[in-house]
Protein backbone atom coordinates (compact mmCIF):
# COMPACT_ATOMS: atom_id res chain seq x y z
CA MET A 1 0.00 0.00 0.01
CA LEU A 2 2.89 2.36 0.72
CA GLU A 3 4.33 1.52 -2.69
CA LEU A 4 1.04 2.50 -4.31
CA ALA A 5 0.87 5.72 -2.29
CA LEU A 6 4.44 6.67 -3.28
CA GLN A 7 4.13 5.91 -7.03
CA PRO A 8 3.52 9.56 -7.96
CA TYR A 9 6.72 10.55 -6.10
CA PRO A 10 9.73 8.93 -7.82
CA ARG A 11 12.26 10.78 -5.61
CA TYR A 12 11.18 8.70 -2.65
CA SER A 13 11.89 5.07 -1.97
CA LEU A 14 10.39 2.49 0.28
CA ALA A 15 11.99 -0.35 2.17
CA VAL A 16 10.72 -2.98 4.55
CA SER A 17 12.72 -3.81 7.62
CA THR A 18 12.61 -6.46 10.31
CA HIS A 19 14.24 -3.96 12.70
CA GLY A 20 12.13 -1.71 14.87
CA ILE A 21 14.82 0.73 15.98
CA PHE A 22 15.57 3.57 13.54
CA LEU A 23 19.28 3.31 14.19
CA ASP A 24 19.24 -0.39 13.24
CA ILE A 25 17.22 0.39 10.13
CA ALA A 26 19.63 3.18 9.13
CA ARG A 27 22.60 0.84 9.51
CA ALA A 28 20.88 -1.83 7.40
CA LEU A 29 20.09 0.70 4.63
CA GLU A 30 23.64 2.00 4.24
CA SER A 31 24.68 -0.55 1.63
CA HIS A 32 21.56 0.11 -0.47
CA TYR A 33 21.96 3.84 -1.06
CA PRO A 34 24.73 6.13 -2.31
CA ARG A 35 26.93 7.64 0.41
CA ASP A 36 25.50 11.10 -0.18
CA ALA A 37 21.87 10.01 0.09
CA ARG A 38 19.90 11.82 2.78
CA LEU A 39 18.02 9.37 4.93
CA ARG A 40 14.90 10.75 6.61
CA PHE A 41 12.36 8.97 8.72
CA LEU A 42 8.84 10.32 8.59
CA ILE A 43 7.21 9.78 11.97
CA GLY A 44 4.35 11.14 14.02
CA ALA A 45 4.80 13.54 16.92
CA ASP A 46 3.81 10.80 19.36
CA ALA A 47 6.72 8.59 18.18
CA ALA A 48 9.10 11.58 18.11
CA ASN A 49 8.23 12.44 21.70
CA ARG A 50 9.16 8.88 22.70
CA ILE A 51 12.34 8.63 20.61
CA LEU A 52 13.77 11.97 21.68
CA ARG A 53 13.15 11.22 25.34
CA TRP A 54 14.24 7.57 25.24
CA ASP A 55 16.46 6.34 28.06
CA TYR A 56 19.40 5.17 25.90
CA LEU A 57 22.29 3.39 27.62
CA ASP A 58 24.62 6.11 26.34
CA ARG A 59 22.27 8.93 25.35
CA LYS A 60 24.95 11.26 24.02
CA GLU A 61 26.45 8.61 21.72
CA ALA A 62 23.03 7.34 20.57
CA LEU A 63 21.92 10.83 19.58
CA ARG A 64 25.24 11.50 17.81
CA GLU A 65 25.02 8.33 15.77
CA MET A 66 21.32 8.69 15.01
CA PHE A 67 21.59 12.23 13.73
CA HIS A 68 24.82 11.46 11.86
CA ARG A 69 22.97 8.74 9.94
CA PHE A 70 19.51 10.24 9.47
CA GLU A 71 17.12 13.12 10.00
CA LEU A 72 13.65 13.06 11.47
CA VAL A 73 10.66 14.56 9.70
CA ILE A 74 7.90 14.86 12.23
CA ALA A 75 4.27 15.03 11.19
CA ARG A 76 2.25 16.75 13.81
CA ARG A 77 -1.03 15.04 14.45
CA GLU A 78 -3.33 15.86 17.30
CA GLU A 79 -0.44 15.59 19.75
CA GLU A 80 1.74 18.69 20.00
CA LEU A 81 5.38 18.23 19.15
CA ARG A 82 7.44 19.33 22.13
CA LEU A 83 11.16 18.94 21.61
CA PRO A 84 12.81 18.26 24.95
CA ASP A 85 14.81 21.10 26.45
CA ASP A 86 17.84 18.85 26.42
CA PRO A 87 21.39 20.21 25.92
CA GLU A 88 22.43 16.87 24.38
CA LEU A 89 19.76 17.29 21.70
CA ALA A 90 20.59 20.93 20.91
CA PRO A 91 23.35 20.21 18.32
CA TYR A 92 20.89 18.17 16.23
CA ARG A 93 17.91 20.53 16.01
CA SER A 94 18.77 21.28 12.37
CA ARG A 95 18.25 17.55 11.64
CA ILE A 96 14.73 17.56 13.08
CA HIS A 97 12.08 18.93 10.73
CA ALA A 98 8.40 19.63 11.27
CA LEU A 99 5.95 18.56 8.61
CA GLU A 100 2.98 20.88 8.65
CA MET A 101 -0.21 19.04 7.87
CA PRO A 102 -3.69 20.39 7.20
CA ALA A 103 -5.88 20.14 10.30
CA GLU A 104 -8.21 17.63 8.63
CA SER A 105 -5.23 15.31 7.93
CA GLN A 106 -3.94 15.41 11.48
CA ARG A 107 -6.78 13.17 12.67
CA ILE A 108 -6.26 10.44 10.04
CA SER A 109 -4.61 7.30 11.38
CA SER A 110 -4.26 3.69 10.29
CA THR A 111 -6.54 2.76 13.18
CA GLN A 112 -9.21 5.13 11.84
CA VAL A 113 -8.84 3.77 8.28
CA ARG A 114 -9.28 0.18 9.49
CA GLU A 115 -12.35 1.16 11.52
CA ILE A 116 -13.92 2.94 8.56
CA CYS A 117 -13.33 -0.23 6.47
CA ARG A 118 -14.99 -2.36 9.16
CA GLN A 119 -18.00 -0.04 9.05
CA GLY A 120 -18.18 -0.27 5.25
CA LYS A 121 -17.81 3.51 4.86
CA THR A 122 -15.87 5.22 2.06
CA LEU A 123 -12.13 5.83 2.28
CA GLU A 124 -12.11 8.36 -0.54
CA GLY A 125 -10.26 11.47 0.53
CA LEU A 126 -8.52 9.68 3.40
CA VAL A 127 -6.01 7.60 1.45
CA PRO A 128 -4.85 7.66 -2.21
CA THR A 129 -7.28 6.19 -4.75
CA ASP A 130 -4.96 3.30 -5.65
CA VAL A 131 -4.75 2.35 -1.97
CA VAL A 132 -8.56 2.46 -1.67
CA THR A 133 -8.81 0.11 -4.65
CA TYR A 134 -6.18 -2.22 -3.16
CA ILE A 135 -7.99 -2.39 0.20
CA ARG A 136 -11.41 -2.92 -1.38
CA THR A 137 -10.37 -5.56 -3.96
CA ARG A 138 -8.66 -7.59 -1.22
CA ASN A 139 -11.47 -7.02 1.28
CA LEU A 140 -8.96 -5.86 3.88
CA TYR A 141 -10.03 -4.77 7.36
CA SER A 142 -13.65 -5.71 6.78
CA SER A 143 -13.89 -7.90 9.85
């Protein structure tokens, strides 16, 4: 479904990972992209608030490696993005970007899309048309 959603945007790529930690994912991607490729993770404010406050074993080193390898693009949803007032995070603020989203998009979530499918309501306007077709033809999330 992500592939379908990204088809109109050839500058972007999509990968699937068995790793759940962004740093592990970034390490795994290194051999697949040119050295000068800019790796950015698009995440919600809720995830950013967790990641940026995480209790890493060596916080200073974890932040240094993370922001050396990738940037964060943070989509604000209904939760306000509050960057921690953390001196260890200060050097990396230029690698943390806010993605402004229209108010009506801030409330859309995968949970909401699945619930709408279960109710048999239309997904038009919530997800790209090709994704709607994919979900409907495979009868996904209907039960």
